[in-house]
Amino acid sequence: MAILLFLILLLTAILINMSQKRKELERRVERLEKINGVVHYELDTVGPINNEEQ
């Protein structure tokens, strides 16, 4: 039982760590995009984007 609890806690810690790293990487990407003047679009955008329609 103790081993199962340990594995659950270990998995939780790993998932939290990965989530924090992902958030940090997203912040870095946004900062670099601002520096480079890149317009960021969400990943779920489908098809070409027309800026004229907006």
N, C-alpha and C. Protein backbone atom coordinates (compact mmCIF):
# COMPACT_ATOMS: atom_id res chain seq x y z
N MET A 1 0.83 -1.20 0.00
CA MET A 1 0.00 0.00 0.00
C MET A 1 0.87 1.26 0.00
N ALA A 2 1.96 1.20 0.76
CA ALA A 2 2.85 2.35 0.83
C ALA A 2 3.50 2.62 -0.52
N ILE A 3 3.81 1.55 -1.25
CA ILE A 3 4.43 1.71 -2.57
C ILE A 3 3.45 2.39 -3.52
N LEU A 4 2.19 2.01 -3.47
CA LEU A 4 1.17 2.62 -4.33
C LEU A 4 1.02 4.10 -4.01
N LEU A 5 0.98 4.44 -2.74
CA LEU A 5 0.88 5.85 -2.33
C LEU A 5 2.11 6.63 -2.81
N PHE A 6 3.28 6.03 -2.67
CA PHE A 6 4.51 6.67 -3.13
C PHE A 6 4.46 6.93 -4.63
N LEU A 7 4.01 5.94 -5.40
CA LEU A 7 3.94 6.11 -6.85
C LEU A 7 2.94 7.19 -7.25
N ILE A 8 1.82 7.27 -6.55
CA ILE A 8 0.83 8.31 -6.84
C ILE A 8 1.42 9.69 -6.54
N LEU A 9 2.09 9.82 -5.41
CA LEU A 9 2.71 11.11 -5.07
C LEU A 9 3.81 11.47 -6.06
N LEU A 10 4.58 10.50 -6.48
CA LEU A 10 5.65 10.74 -7.45
C LEU A 10 5.07 11.20 -8.78
N LEU A 11 4.04 10.53 -9.24
CA LEU A 11 3.40 10.92 -10.50
C LEU A 11 2.82 12.32 -10.41
N THR A 12 2.19 12.64 -9.28
CA THR A 12 1.64 13.98 -9.09
C THR A 12 2.74 15.03 -9.13
N ALA A 13 3.85 14.76 -8.47
CA ALA A 13 4.96 15.72 -8.46
C ALA A 13 5.52 15.91 -9.87
N ILE A 14 5.63 14.84 -10.63
CA ILE A 14 6.14 14.93 -12.00
C ILE A 14 5.20 15.76 -12.87
N LEU A 15 3.90 15.52 -12.74
CA LEU A 15 2.93 16.26 -13.55
C LEU A 15 2.93 17.75 -13.20
N ILE A 16 3.03 18.07 -11.91
CA ILE A 16 3.08 19.47 -11.50
C ILE A 16 4.34 20.14 -12.05
N ASN A 17 5.46 19.44 -11.98
CA ASN A 17 6.72 19.98 -12.49
C ASN A 17 6.64 20.23 -14.00
N MET A 18 6.07 19.30 -14.73
CA MET A 18 5.93 19.46 -16.18
C MET A 18 5.02 20.64 -16.51
N SER A 19 3.96 20.81 -15.73
CA SER A 19 3.03 21.92 -15.95
C SER A 19 3.74 23.26 -15.73
N GLN A 20 4.54 23.33 -14.68
CA GLN A 20 5.27 24.57 -14.40
C GLN A 20 6.28 24.87 -15.50
N LYS A 21 6.97 23.85 -15.99
CA LYS A 21 7.93 24.06 -17.08
C LYS A 21 7.23 24.54 -18.34
N ARG A 22 6.05 23.97 -18.63
CA ARG A 22 5.30 24.37 -19.82
C ARG A 22 4.88 25.84 -19.72
N LYS A 23 4.40 26.25 -18.54
CA LYS A 23 4.00 27.64 -18.36
C LYS A 23 5.19 28.57 -18.56
N GLU A 24 6.34 28.19 -18.02
CA GLU A 24 7.54 29.01 -18.18
C GLU A 24 7.94 29.11 -19.65
N LEU A 25 7.88 28.00 -20.37
CA LEU A 25 8.21 28.03 -21.80
C LEU A 25 7.23 28.91 -22.58
N GLU A 26 5.94 28.84 -22.23
CA GLU A 26 4.95 29.69 -22.90
C GLU A 26 5.26 31.16 -22.66
N ARG A 27 5.66 31.51 -21.43
CA ARG A 27 6.01 32.90 -21.13
C ARG A 27 7.22 33.33 -21.95
N ARG A 28 8.22 32.46 -22.05
CA ARG A 28 9.41 32.79 -22.84
C ARG A 28 9.07 33.00 -24.30
N VAL A 29 8.22 32.13 -24.85
CA VAL A 29 7.83 32.25 -26.26
C VAL A 29 7.09 33.56 -26.49
N GLU A 30 6.16 33.91 -25.59
CA GLU A 30 5.42 35.16 -25.75
C GLU A 30 6.36 36.35 -25.69
N ARG A 31 7.34 36.31 -24.78
CA ARG A 31 8.29 37.41 -24.67
C ARG A 31 9.13 37.54 -25.94
N LEU A 32 9.59 36.40 -26.46
CA LEU A 32 10.39 36.43 -27.70
C LEU A 32 9.55 36.89 -28.89
N GLU A 33 8.28 36.49 -28.92
CA GLU A 33 7.42 36.93 -30.01
C GLU A 33 7.21 38.44 -29.96
N LYS A 34 7.09 39.00 -28.76
CA LYS A 34 6.95 40.45 -28.64
C LYS A 34 8.21 41.15 -29.14
N ILE A 35 9.36 40.60 -28.77
CA ILE A 35 10.64 41.20 -29.19
C ILE A 35 10.77 41.14 -30.71
N ASN A 36 10.38 40.03 -31.31
CA ASN A 36 10.53 39.84 -32.75
C ASN A 36 9.35 40.36 -33.56
N GLY A 37 8.32 40.83 -32.89
CA GLY A 37 7.16 41.37 -33.58
C GLY A 37 6.31 40.31 -34.25
N VAL A 38 6.32 39.10 -33.73
CA VAL A 38 5.54 38.00 -34.31
C VAL A 38 4.15 38.02 -33.70
N VAL A 39 3.12 37.90 -34.55
CA VAL A 39 1.75 37.82 -34.06
C VAL A 39 1.48 36.38 -33.69
N HIS A 40 1.03 36.16 -32.46
CA HIS A 40 0.79 34.79 -31.96
C HIS A 40 -0.66 34.41 -32.18
N TYR A 41 -0.85 33.27 -32.81
CA TYR A 41 -2.20 32.72 -32.99
C TYR A 41 -2.32 31.44 -32.18
N GLU A 42 -3.54 31.14 -31.73
CA GLU A 42 -3.77 29.91 -30.98
C GLU A 42 -3.52 28.71 -31.88
N LEU A 43 -3.14 27.59 -31.29
CA LEU A 43 -2.82 26.40 -32.06
C LEU A 43 -4.05 25.76 -32.69
N ASP A 44 -5.24 26.06 -32.16
CA ASP A 44 -6.43 25.42 -32.69
C ASP A 44 -7.05 26.21 -33.84
N THR A 45 -6.35 27.21 -34.36
CA THR A 45 -6.85 27.98 -35.49
C THR A 45 -6.81 27.11 -36.75
N VAL A 46 -7.91 27.13 -37.48
CA VAL A 46 -8.00 26.30 -38.69
C VAL A 46 -8.07 27.21 -39.90
N GLY A 47 -7.26 26.90 -40.91
CA GLY A 47 -7.32 27.63 -42.16
C GLY A 47 -6.54 28.93 -42.10
N PRO A 48 -6.48 29.60 -43.25
CA PRO A 48 -5.75 30.87 -43.31
C PRO A 48 -6.47 31.95 -42.52
N ILE A 49 -5.71 32.88 -42.02
CA ILE A 49 -6.29 33.97 -41.23
C ILE A 49 -6.26 35.23 -42.08
N ASN A 50 -7.41 35.84 -42.26
CA ASN A 50 -7.52 37.10 -43.00
C ASN A 50 -7.57 38.24 -42.00
N ASN A 51 -6.55 39.07 -42.00
CA ASN A 51 -6.56 40.23 -41.12
C ASN A 51 -7.48 41.31 -41.66
N GLU A 52 -7.82 41.25 -42.94
CA GLU A 52 -8.67 42.27 -43.55
C GLU A 52 -10.10 42.21 -43.01
N GLU A 53 -10.55 41.00 -42.64
CA GLU A 53 -11.93 40.85 -42.17
C GLU A 53 -12.12 41.39 -40.76
N GLN A 54 -11.03 41.50 -40.02
CA GLN A 54 -11.16 41.92 -38.62
C GLN A 54 -11.27 43.41 -38.50
